[in-house]
């Protein structure tokens, strides 16, 4: 998600890493992080934080320990498939509803609305996930495995259904 305060978000990510004693990958996407101030901040925190403009979720999500995201449907889907615990930080539209589903599935503890999150809150959630509080890691893996099994070979099945369906204009003749 783009942000109108990229430096504040970058500083929050750095603070989370410091408070949770972890490292992070920040996918900046549309957010501009090429100012002199952002570059200086990144350079002075290069050990804790890696910032990339884009990265396929399907490649990075399965190899990280925790995913902090905005809960868009595509990101939520890839996060669920990865089997990785999550910290949902919804911003708008469908995101609060998607975040609620993540909590109900047990792959996230709570919703952290983007407008009111703090580095301390996110760091505490990261620490809980890394400590496997409430066995969240196993729950996330279970959901990921179930979704992958459910989706396995379905593309072929859906294509067959489409090709076997009688076109609507043929029904009216």
N, C-alpha and C. Protein backbone atom coordinates (compact mmCIF):
# COMPACT_ATOMS: atom_id res chain seq x y z
N UNK A 1 0.85 -1.18 0.00
CA UNK A 1 0.00 0.00 0.00
C UNK A 1 0.90 1.24 0.00
N UNK A 2 0.54 2.19 -0.83
CA UNK A 2 1.30 3.44 -0.77
C UNK A 2 0.99 4.17 0.54
N UNK A 3 1.92 4.98 0.98
CA UNK A 3 1.70 5.78 2.17
C UNK A 3 2.14 7.20 1.91
N UNK A 4 1.46 8.13 2.54
CA UNK A 4 1.85 9.53 2.40
C UNK A 4 2.96 9.90 3.40
N UNK A 5 3.33 8.92 4.26
CA UNK A 5 4.39 9.15 5.25
C UNK A 5 5.40 8.00 5.20
N UNK A 6 6.11 7.86 4.08
CA UNK A 6 7.03 6.72 3.97
C UNK A 6 8.16 6.73 5.00
N UNK A 7 8.65 7.90 5.37
CA UNK A 7 9.73 7.94 6.37
C UNK A 7 9.25 7.47 7.74
N UNK A 8 8.03 7.84 8.10
CA UNK A 8 7.48 7.40 9.38
C UNK A 8 7.30 5.89 9.39
N UNK A 9 6.83 5.33 8.29
CA UNK A 9 6.66 3.88 8.19
C UNK A 9 8.02 3.17 8.22
N UNK A 10 8.99 3.74 7.55
CA UNK A 10 10.34 3.19 7.57
C UNK A 10 10.92 3.21 8.98
N UNK A 11 10.75 4.33 9.67
CA UNK A 11 11.24 4.44 11.06
C UNK A 11 10.51 3.44 11.96
N UNK A 12 9.21 3.24 11.73
CA UNK A 12 8.47 2.27 12.53
C UNK A 12 9.04 0.86 12.31
N UNK A 13 9.34 0.52 11.07
CA UNK A 13 9.91 -0.80 10.78
C UNK A 13 11.25 -0.98 11.50
N UNK A 14 12.06 0.06 11.49
CA UNK A 14 13.35 0.01 12.19
C UNK A 14 13.13 -0.15 13.69
N UNK A 15 12.19 0.59 14.24
CA UNK A 15 11.89 0.49 15.68
C UNK A 15 11.38 -0.90 16.04
N UNK A 16 10.53 -1.48 15.18
CA UNK A 16 10.04 -2.84 15.44
C UNK A 16 11.21 -3.82 15.48
N UNK A 17 12.12 -3.69 14.53
CA UNK A 17 13.29 -4.58 14.51
C UNK A 17 14.11 -4.45 15.78
N UNK A 18 14.30 -3.23 16.24
CA UNK A 18 15.07 -2.99 17.46
C UNK A 18 14.35 -3.59 18.67
N UNK A 19 13.05 -3.31 18.79
CA UNK A 19 12.29 -3.78 19.96
C UNK A 19 12.10 -5.29 19.98
N UNK A 20 11.97 -5.89 18.81
CA UNK A 20 11.71 -7.34 18.74
C UNK A 20 12.99 -8.14 18.49
N UNK A 21 14.12 -7.46 18.37
CA UNK A 21 15.40 -8.13 18.07
C UNK A 21 15.27 -9.03 16.85
N UNK A 22 14.81 -8.43 15.77
CA UNK A 22 14.62 -9.20 14.54
C UNK A 22 15.08 -8.38 13.33
N UNK A 23 15.03 -9.00 12.19
CA UNK A 23 15.30 -8.30 10.93
C UNK A 23 14.03 -8.30 10.11
N UNK A 24 13.94 -7.40 9.12
CA UNK A 24 12.73 -7.29 8.33
C UNK A 24 13.04 -7.00 6.87
N UNK A 25 12.13 -7.46 6.03
CA UNK A 25 12.13 -7.10 4.62
C UNK A 25 10.92 -6.19 4.44
N UNK A 26 11.15 -5.01 3.93
CA UNK A 26 10.05 -4.07 3.67
C UNK A 26 9.88 -4.00 2.15
N UNK A 27 8.68 -4.34 1.69
CA UNK A 27 8.37 -4.20 0.28
C UNK A 27 7.70 -2.85 0.13
N UNK A 28 8.46 -1.90 -0.40
CA UNK A 28 8.02 -0.50 -0.44
C UNK A 28 6.92 -0.27 -1.47
N UNK A 29 6.88 -1.07 -2.51
CA UNK A 29 5.84 -0.91 -3.52
C UNK A 29 5.81 0.49 -4.09
N UNK A 30 4.68 1.15 -3.97
CA UNK A 30 4.49 2.48 -4.53
C UNK A 30 5.04 3.59 -3.65
N UNK A 31 5.42 3.27 -2.43
CA UNK A 31 5.93 4.30 -1.52
C UNK A 31 7.32 4.75 -1.97
N UNK A 32 7.52 6.02 -1.98
CA UNK A 32 8.80 6.59 -2.41
C UNK A 32 9.78 6.63 -1.23
N UNK A 33 10.87 5.92 -1.39
CA UNK A 33 11.90 5.89 -0.35
C UNK A 33 13.25 6.27 -0.93
N UNK A 34 13.24 7.23 -1.86
CA UNK A 34 14.50 7.61 -2.51
C UNK A 34 14.99 9.00 -2.11
N UNK A 35 14.42 9.55 -1.05
CA UNK A 35 14.89 10.85 -0.57
C UNK A 35 16.24 10.66 0.13
N UNK A 36 16.99 11.73 0.27
CA UNK A 36 18.29 11.65 0.96
C UNK A 36 18.11 11.15 2.39
N UNK A 37 17.04 11.61 3.05
CA UNK A 37 16.77 11.21 4.43
C UNK A 37 16.46 9.71 4.51
N UNK A 38 15.65 9.20 3.58
CA UNK A 38 15.31 7.77 3.58
C UNK A 38 16.54 6.93 3.30
N UNK A 39 17.34 7.35 2.35
CA UNK A 39 18.56 6.60 2.00
C UNK A 39 19.53 6.56 3.18
N UNK A 40 19.67 7.69 3.87
CA UNK A 40 20.55 7.73 5.04
C UNK A 40 20.03 6.80 6.14
N UNK A 41 18.72 6.80 6.36
CA UNK A 41 18.10 5.94 7.36
C UNK A 41 18.30 4.46 7.00
N UNK A 42 18.13 4.14 5.74
CA UNK A 42 18.33 2.76 5.28
C UNK A 42 19.78 2.34 5.43
N UNK A 43 20.69 3.20 5.03
CA UNK A 43 22.11 2.87 5.13
C UNK A 43 22.56 2.65 6.57
N UNK A 44 22.02 3.42 7.49
CA UNK A 44 22.43 3.28 8.88
C UNK A 44 21.73 2.09 9.58
N UNK A 45 20.78 1.48 8.91
CA UNK A 45 20.07 0.34 9.49
C UNK A 45 20.05 -0.87 8.56
N UNK A 46 21.07 -0.97 7.73
CA UNK A 46 21.11 -2.01 6.69
C UNK A 46 21.15 -3.43 7.27
N UNK A 47 21.66 -3.60 8.49
CA UNK A 47 21.73 -4.93 9.09
C UNK A 47 20.37 -5.44 9.52
N UNK A 48 19.48 -4.53 9.92
CA UNK A 48 18.16 -4.93 10.41
C UNK A 48 17.10 -4.92 9.32
N UNK A 49 17.29 -4.11 8.31
CA UNK A 49 16.20 -3.85 7.38
C UNK A 49 16.66 -3.92 5.94
N UNK A 50 15.93 -4.67 5.14
CA UNK A 50 16.16 -4.70 3.71
C UNK A 50 14.89 -4.15 3.05
N UNK A 51 15.05 -3.16 2.21
CA UNK A 51 13.91 -2.57 1.52
C UNK A 51 14.04 -2.86 0.04
N UNK A 52 12.96 -3.38 -0.53
CA UNK A 52 12.90 -3.66 -1.96
C UNK A 52 11.65 -3.01 -2.52
N UNK A 53 11.67 -2.66 -3.80
CA UNK A 53 10.48 -2.04 -4.39
C UNK A 53 9.40 -3.08 -4.66
N UNK A 54 9.79 -4.28 -5.06
CA UNK A 54 8.81 -5.35 -5.23
C UNK A 54 9.48 -6.69 -5.05
N UNK A 55 8.68 -7.66 -4.71
CA UNK A 55 9.18 -9.00 -4.45
C UNK A 55 7.97 -9.93 -4.54
N UNK A 56 8.06 -11.04 -5.26
CA UNK A 56 6.91 -11.94 -5.34
C UNK A 56 6.56 -12.51 -3.97
N UNK A 57 5.33 -12.30 -3.55
CA UNK A 57 4.89 -12.83 -2.26
C UNK A 57 5.07 -14.34 -2.19
N UNK A 58 4.85 -15.01 -3.30
CA UNK A 58 4.94 -16.47 -3.31
C UNK A 58 6.36 -16.97 -3.01
N UNK A 59 7.35 -16.13 -3.23
CA UNK A 59 8.73 -16.53 -2.95
C UNK A 59 9.17 -16.15 -1.54
N UNK A 60 8.74 -15.00 -1.06
CA UNK A 60 9.26 -14.53 0.23
C UNK A 60 8.40 -14.99 1.42
N UNK A 61 7.09 -15.05 1.27
CA UNK A 61 6.23 -15.37 2.42
C UNK A 61 6.54 -16.74 3.04
N UNK A 62 6.78 -17.78 2.25
CA UNK A 62 7.05 -19.09 2.88
C UNK A 62 8.38 -19.17 3.64
N UNK A 63 9.28 -18.23 3.44
CA UNK A 63 10.60 -18.33 4.07
C UNK A 63 10.82 -17.31 5.19
N UNK A 64 9.78 -16.57 5.56
CA UNK A 64 9.89 -15.63 6.67
C UNK A 64 9.13 -16.20 7.87
N UNK A 65 9.34 -15.62 9.04
CA UNK A 65 8.70 -16.11 10.26
C UNK A 65 7.39 -15.41 10.59
N UNK A 66 7.16 -14.27 9.97
CA UNK A 66 6.00 -13.46 10.30
C UNK A 66 5.73 -12.50 9.13
N UNK A 67 4.47 -12.22 8.87
CA UNK A 67 4.12 -11.29 7.80
C UNK A 67 3.25 -10.19 8.38
N UNK A 68 3.69 -8.95 8.24
CA UNK A 68 2.91 -7.79 8.65
C UNK A 68 2.40 -7.17 7.35
N UNK A 69 1.07 -7.11 7.20
CA UNK A 69 0.54 -6.62 5.92
C UNK A 69 -0.80 -5.92 6.07
N UNK A 70 -1.23 -5.30 4.97
CA UNK A 70 -2.42 -4.46 4.95
C UNK A 70 -3.72 -5.23 4.75
N UNK A 71 -3.66 -6.50 4.45
CA UNK A 71 -4.83 -7.37 4.33
C UNK A 71 -5.63 -7.20 3.06
N UNK A 72 -4.98 -6.74 2.00
CA UNK A 72 -5.66 -6.79 0.71
C UNK A 72 -5.91 -8.24 0.38
N UNK A 73 -6.88 -8.53 -0.46
CA UNK A 73 -7.27 -9.92 -0.70
C UNK A 73 -6.14 -10.74 -1.32
N UNK A 74 -5.39 -10.16 -2.24
CA UNK A 74 -4.29 -10.90 -2.86
C UNK A 74 -3.17 -11.20 -1.88
N UNK A 75 -2.80 -10.21 -1.08
CA UNK A 75 -1.75 -10.40 -0.08
C UNK A 75 -2.21 -11.40 0.99
N UNK A 76 -3.46 -11.26 1.43
CA UNK A 76 -4.00 -12.20 2.43
C UNK A 76 -3.99 -13.62 1.89
N UNK A 77 -4.38 -13.79 0.63
CA UNK A 77 -4.40 -15.11 0.02
C UNK A 77 -3.00 -15.73 0.00
N UNK A 78 -2.02 -14.96 -0.46
CA UNK A 78 -0.66 -15.49 -0.53
C UNK A 78 -0.09 -15.76 0.87
N UNK A 79 -0.43 -14.90 1.82
CA UNK A 79 0.03 -15.11 3.19
C UNK A 79 -0.58 -16.39 3.77
N UNK A 80 -1.86 -16.61 3.54
CA UNK A 80 -2.50 -17.84 4.02
C UNK A 80 -1.87 -19.07 3.37
N UNK A 81 -1.68 -19.04 2.07
CA UNK A 81 -1.08 -20.18 1.36
C UNK A 81 0.34 -20.49 1.87
N UNK A 82 1.05 -19.46 2.30
CA UNK A 82 2.43 -19.65 2.75
C UNK A 82 2.53 -20.41 4.07
N UNK A 83 1.46 -20.39 4.85
CA UNK A 83 1.49 -21.05 6.16
C UNK A 83 2.29 -20.29 7.19
N UNK A 84 2.40 -18.97 7.00
CA UNK A 84 3.18 -18.12 7.90
C UNK A 84 2.25 -17.28 8.77
N UNK A 85 2.50 -17.17 10.08
CA UNK A 85 1.67 -16.32 10.94
C UNK A 85 1.71 -14.86 10.49
N UNK A 86 0.64 -14.13 10.81
CA UNK A 86 0.47 -12.79 10.28
C UNK A 86 0.10 -11.77 11.35
N UNK A 87 0.39 -10.52 11.02
CA UNK A 87 -0.06 -9.37 11.81
C UNK A 87 -0.84 -8.48 10.85
N UNK A 88 -2.16 -8.53 10.91
CA UNK A 88 -2.97 -7.76 9.98
C UNK A 88 -3.09 -6.29 10.41
N UNK A 89 -2.77 -5.39 9.47
CA UNK A 89 -2.84 -3.94 9.69
C UNK A 89 -3.69 -3.31 8.59
N UNK A 90 -5.01 -3.52 8.64
CA UNK A 90 -5.86 -3.04 7.55
C UNK A 90 -5.94 -1.52 7.48
N UNK A 91 -6.16 -1.04 6.26
CA UNK A 91 -6.26 0.40 6.02
C UNK A 91 -7.68 0.78 5.62
N UNK A 92 -8.23 0.13 4.58
CA UNK A 92 -9.53 0.54 4.05
C UNK A 92 -10.19 -0.57 3.25
N UNK A 93 -11.36 -0.29 2.73
CA UNK A 93 -12.17 -1.17 1.86
C UNK A 93 -12.39 -2.55 2.49
N UNK A 94 -11.97 -3.61 1.78
CA UNK A 94 -12.19 -4.98 2.25
C UNK A 94 -11.19 -5.42 3.31
N UNK A 95 -10.17 -4.64 3.54
CA UNK A 95 -9.08 -5.05 4.41
C UNK A 95 -9.50 -5.34 5.86
N UNK A 96 -10.34 -4.51 6.51
CA UNK A 96 -10.76 -4.87 7.87
C UNK A 96 -11.50 -6.21 7.94
N UNK A 97 -12.32 -6.49 6.95
CA UNK A 97 -13.03 -7.77 6.91
C UNK A 97 -12.06 -8.92 6.71
N UNK A 98 -11.11 -8.75 5.80
CA UNK A 98 -10.10 -9.79 5.58
C UNK A 98 -9.28 -10.03 6.86
N UNK A 99 -8.95 -8.95 7.56
CA UNK A 99 -8.18 -9.07 8.80
C UNK A 99 -8.96 -9.87 9.84
N UNK A 100 -10.25 -9.63 9.91
CA UNK A 100 -11.11 -10.36 10.86
C UNK A 100 -11.08 -11.86 10.56
N UNK A 101 -11.12 -12.22 9.29
CA UNK A 101 -11.06 -13.63 8.89
C UNK A 101 -9.72 -14.25 9.31
N UNK A 102 -8.63 -13.50 9.14
CA UNK A 102 -7.31 -14.02 9.53
C UNK A 102 -7.26 -14.34 11.02
N UNK A 103 -7.84 -13.47 11.83
CA UNK A 103 -7.89 -13.71 13.27
C UNK A 103 -8.78 -14.92 13.57
N UNK A 104 -9.93 -14.99 12.91
CA UNK A 104 -10.85 -16.12 13.13
C UNK A 104 -10.22 -17.45 12.74
N UNK A 105 -9.38 -17.45 11.71
CA UNK A 105 -8.69 -18.67 11.29
C UNK A 105 -7.57 -19.07 12.25
N UNK A 106 -7.16 -18.15 13.11
CA UNK A 106 -6.11 -18.44 14.08
C UNK A 106 -4.70 -18.23 13.56
N UNK A 107 -4.56 -17.56 12.39
CA UNK A 107 -3.23 -17.30 11.84
C UNK A 107 -2.71 -15.93 12.26
N UNK A 108 -3.55 -15.18 12.99
CA UNK A 108 -3.19 -13.87 13.54
C UNK A 108 -3.86 -13.75 14.91
N UNK A 109 -3.21 -13.03 15.83
CA UNK A 109 -3.78 -12.87 17.17
C UNK A 109 -4.84 -11.78 17.24
N UNK A 110 -4.54 -10.68 16.57
CA UNK A 110 -5.43 -9.52 16.68
C UNK A 110 -5.23 -8.63 15.47
N UNK A 111 -6.13 -7.71 15.31
CA UNK A 111 -6.05 -6.74 14.22
C UNK A 111 -5.38 -5.49 14.77
N UNK A 112 -4.44 -4.94 14.00
CA UNK A 112 -3.77 -3.69 14.35
C UNK A 112 -4.08 -2.68 13.24
N UNK A 113 -5.19 -1.93 13.39
CA UNK A 113 -5.53 -0.96 12.34
C UNK A 113 -4.36 -0.01 12.07
N UNK A 114 -4.05 0.15 10.80
CA UNK A 114 -2.88 0.93 10.38
C UNK A 114 -2.87 2.34 10.97
N UNK A 115 -4.02 2.96 11.06
CA UNK A 115 -4.09 4.35 11.51
C UNK A 115 -3.64 4.53 12.95
N UNK A 116 -3.65 3.46 13.74
CA UNK A 116 -3.33 3.61 15.16
C UNK A 116 -2.22 2.69 15.66
N UNK A 117 -1.50 2.02 14.76
CA UNK A 117 -0.47 1.09 15.23
C UNK A 117 0.77 1.81 15.74
N UNK A 118 1.45 1.13 16.64
CA UNK A 118 2.72 1.64 17.14
C UNK A 118 3.78 0.56 16.95
N UNK A 119 5.01 0.96 16.93
CA UNK A 119 6.11 0.00 16.81
C UNK A 119 6.11 -0.97 17.98
N UNK A 120 5.79 -0.49 19.17
CA UNK A 120 5.77 -1.35 20.35
C UNK A 120 4.72 -2.46 20.21
N UNK A 121 3.53 -2.12 19.69
CA UNK A 121 2.48 -3.12 19.49
C UNK A 121 2.92 -4.18 18.49
N UNK A 122 3.45 -3.74 17.36
CA UNK A 122 3.88 -4.68 16.33
C UNK A 122 5.03 -5.54 16.86
N UNK A 123 5.98 -4.92 17.55
CA UNK A 123 7.10 -5.67 18.11
C UNK A 123 6.62 -6.73 19.10
N UNK A 124 5.66 -6.40 19.94
CA UNK A 124 5.11 -7.37 20.88
C UNK A 124 4.45 -8.53 20.15
N UNK A 125 3.72 -8.23 19.08
CA UNK A 125 3.09 -9.28 18.28
C UNK A 125 4.15 -10.15 17.60
N UNK A 126 5.19 -9.53 17.07
CA UNK A 126 6.28 -10.29 16.44
C UNK A 126 6.91 -11.22 17.47
N UNK A 127 7.20 -10.71 18.67
CA UNK A 127 7.80 -11.54 19.72
C UNK A 127 6.88 -12.72 20.06
N UNK A 128 5.58 -12.48 20.15
CA UNK A 128 4.63 -13.55 20.45
C UNK A 128 4.63 -14.61 19.36
N UNK A 129 4.68 -14.17 18.12
CA UNK A 129 4.71 -15.13 17.00
C UNK A 129 6.00 -15.93 17.03
N UNK A 130 7.13 -15.27 17.24
CA UNK A 130 8.41 -15.97 17.28
C UNK A 130 8.49 -16.94 18.46
N UNK A 131 7.81 -16.62 19.56
CA UNK A 131 7.76 -17.51 20.72
C UNK A 131 6.68 -18.58 20.56
N UNK A 132 5.95 -18.55 19.47
CA UNK A 132 4.89 -19.51 19.15
C UNK A 132 3.77 -19.51 20.18
N UNK A 133 3.44 -18.33 20.68
CA UNK A 133 2.34 -18.16 21.63
C UNK A 133 1.06 -18.73 21.01
N UNK A 134 0.31 -19.47 21.80
CA UNK A 134 -0.94 -20.11 21.37
C UNK A 134 -0.75 -21.00 20.13
N UNK A 135 0.45 -21.53 19.95
CA UNK A 135 0.76 -22.44 18.85
C UNK A 135 0.37 -21.87 17.48
N UNK A 136 0.57 -20.55 17.32
CA UNK A 136 0.17 -19.88 16.08
C UNK A 136 0.91 -20.40 14.86
N UNK A 137 2.16 -20.82 15.03
CA UNK A 137 2.92 -21.31 13.89
C UNK A 137 2.29 -22.58 13.31
N UNK A 138 1.88 -23.50 14.17
CA UNK A 138 1.24 -24.73 13.70
C UNK A 138 -0.11 -24.44 13.05
N UNK A 139 -0.86 -23.52 13.64
CA UNK A 139 -2.17 -23.16 13.07
C UNK A 139 -2.01 -22.58 11.68
N UNK A 140 -1.02 -21.69 11.52
CA UNK A 140 -0.79 -21.09 10.21
C UNK A 140 -0.38 -22.15 9.19
N UNK A 141 0.47 -23.08 9.59
CA UNK A 141 0.90 -24.17 8.69
C UNK A 141 -0.29 -25.05 8.30
N UNK A 142 -1.15 -25.37 9.28
CA UNK A 142 -2.33 -26.18 9.01
C UNK A 142 -3.24 -25.51 7.98
N UNK A 143 -3.49 -24.23 8.16
CA UNK A 143 -4.35 -23.51 7.22
C UNK A 143 -3.70 -23.47 5.84
N UNK A 144 -2.41 -23.19 5.79
CA UNK A 144 -1.70 -23.17 4.51
C UNK A 144 -1.77 -24.51 3.80
N UNK A 145 -1.53 -25.60 4.54
CA UNK A 145 -1.60 -26.94 3.94
C UNK A 145 -3.00 -27.24 3.43
N UNK A 146 -4.01 -26.91 4.22
CA UNK A 146 -5.40 -27.17 3.81
C UNK A 146 -5.75 -26.39 2.53
N UNK A 147 -5.34 -25.15 2.46
CA UNK A 147 -5.63 -24.35 1.27
C UNK A 147 -4.90 -24.88 0.04
N UNK A 148 -3.65 -25.25 0.21
CA UNK A 148 -2.90 -25.79 -0.93
C UNK A 148 -3.52 -27.09 -1.42
N UNK A 149 -3.95 -27.97 -0.50
CA UNK A 149 -4.59 -29.23 -0.90
C UNK A 149 -5.91 -28.95 -1.61
N UNK A 150 -6.65 -27.99 -1.09
CA UNK A 150 -7.95 -27.66 -1.68
C UNK A 150 -7.78 -27.11 -3.10
N UNK A 151 -6.73 -26.36 -3.32
CA UNK A 151 -6.50 -25.72 -4.61
C UNK A 151 -5.80 -26.63 -5.62
N UNK A 152 -5.17 -27.68 -5.14
CA UNK A 152 -4.38 -28.55 -6.00
C UNK A 152 -5.23 -29.11 -7.14
N UNK A 153 -4.81 -28.92 -8.36
CA UNK A 153 -5.47 -29.41 -9.58
C UNK A 153 -6.79 -28.71 -9.89
N UNK A 154 -7.19 -27.73 -9.14
CA UNK A 154 -8.48 -27.09 -9.41
C UNK A 154 -8.48 -26.27 -10.68
N UNK A 155 -7.35 -25.76 -11.11
CA UNK A 155 -7.32 -24.98 -12.35
C UNK A 155 -7.80 -25.84 -13.51
N UNK A 156 -7.31 -27.07 -13.59
CA UNK A 156 -7.75 -27.97 -14.66
C UNK A 156 -9.25 -28.25 -14.55
N UNK A 157 -9.74 -28.46 -13.33
CA UNK A 157 -11.17 -28.73 -13.14
C UNK A 157 -12.02 -27.54 -13.58
N UNK A 158 -11.59 -26.32 -13.21
CA UNK A 158 -12.35 -25.13 -13.59
C UNK A 158 -12.33 -24.91 -15.10
N UNK A 159 -11.19 -25.16 -15.73
CA UNK A 159 -11.11 -25.03 -17.19
C UNK A 159 -12.03 -26.02 -17.86
N UNK A 160 -12.09 -27.25 -17.35
CA UNK A 160 -13.01 -28.25 -17.90
C UNK A 160 -14.46 -27.81 -17.76
N UNK A 161 -14.81 -27.28 -16.58
CA UNK A 161 -16.18 -26.79 -16.38
C UNK A 161 -16.54 -25.68 -17.36
N UNK A 162 -15.61 -24.79 -17.58
CA UNK A 162 -15.86 -23.67 -18.50
C UNK A 162 -16.06 -24.19 -19.92
N UNK A 163 -15.20 -25.09 -20.35
CA UNK A 163 -15.31 -25.59 -21.73
C UNK A 163 -16.53 -26.47 -21.93
N UNK A 164 -17.06 -27.06 -20.86
CA UNK A 164 -18.25 -27.91 -20.97
C UNK A 164 -19.55 -27.14 -20.82
N UNK A 165 -19.47 -25.90 -20.43
CA UNK A 165 -20.67 -25.10 -20.20
C UNK A 165 -21.27 -24.65 -21.54
N UNK A 166 -22.57 -24.76 -21.64
CA UNK A 166 -23.27 -24.33 -22.86
C UNK A 166 -23.36 -22.81 -22.84
N UNK A 167 -22.94 -22.15 -23.92
CA UNK A 167 -23.03 -20.68 -23.98
C UNK A 167 -24.49 -20.23 -23.84
N UNK A 168 -24.71 -19.10 -23.17
CA UNK A 168 -26.06 -18.59 -22.95
C UNK A 168 -26.81 -18.36 -24.26
N UNK A 169 -26.14 -17.88 -25.29
CA UNK A 169 -26.84 -17.63 -26.56
C UNK A 169 -27.34 -18.93 -27.19
N UNK A 170 -26.72 -20.06 -26.89
CA UNK A 170 -27.17 -21.34 -27.41
C UNK A 170 -28.45 -21.80 -26.70
N UNK A 171 -28.64 -21.37 -25.46
CA UNK A 171 -29.84 -21.74 -24.71
C UNK A 171 -31.07 -21.01 -25.20
N UNK A 172 -30.90 -19.83 -25.75
CA UNK A 172 -32.05 -19.03 -26.17
C UNK A 172 -32.56 -19.43 -27.55
N UNK A 173 -31.86 -20.29 -28.26
CA UNK A 173 -32.31 -20.73 -29.61
C UNK A 173 -33.22 -21.91 -29.57
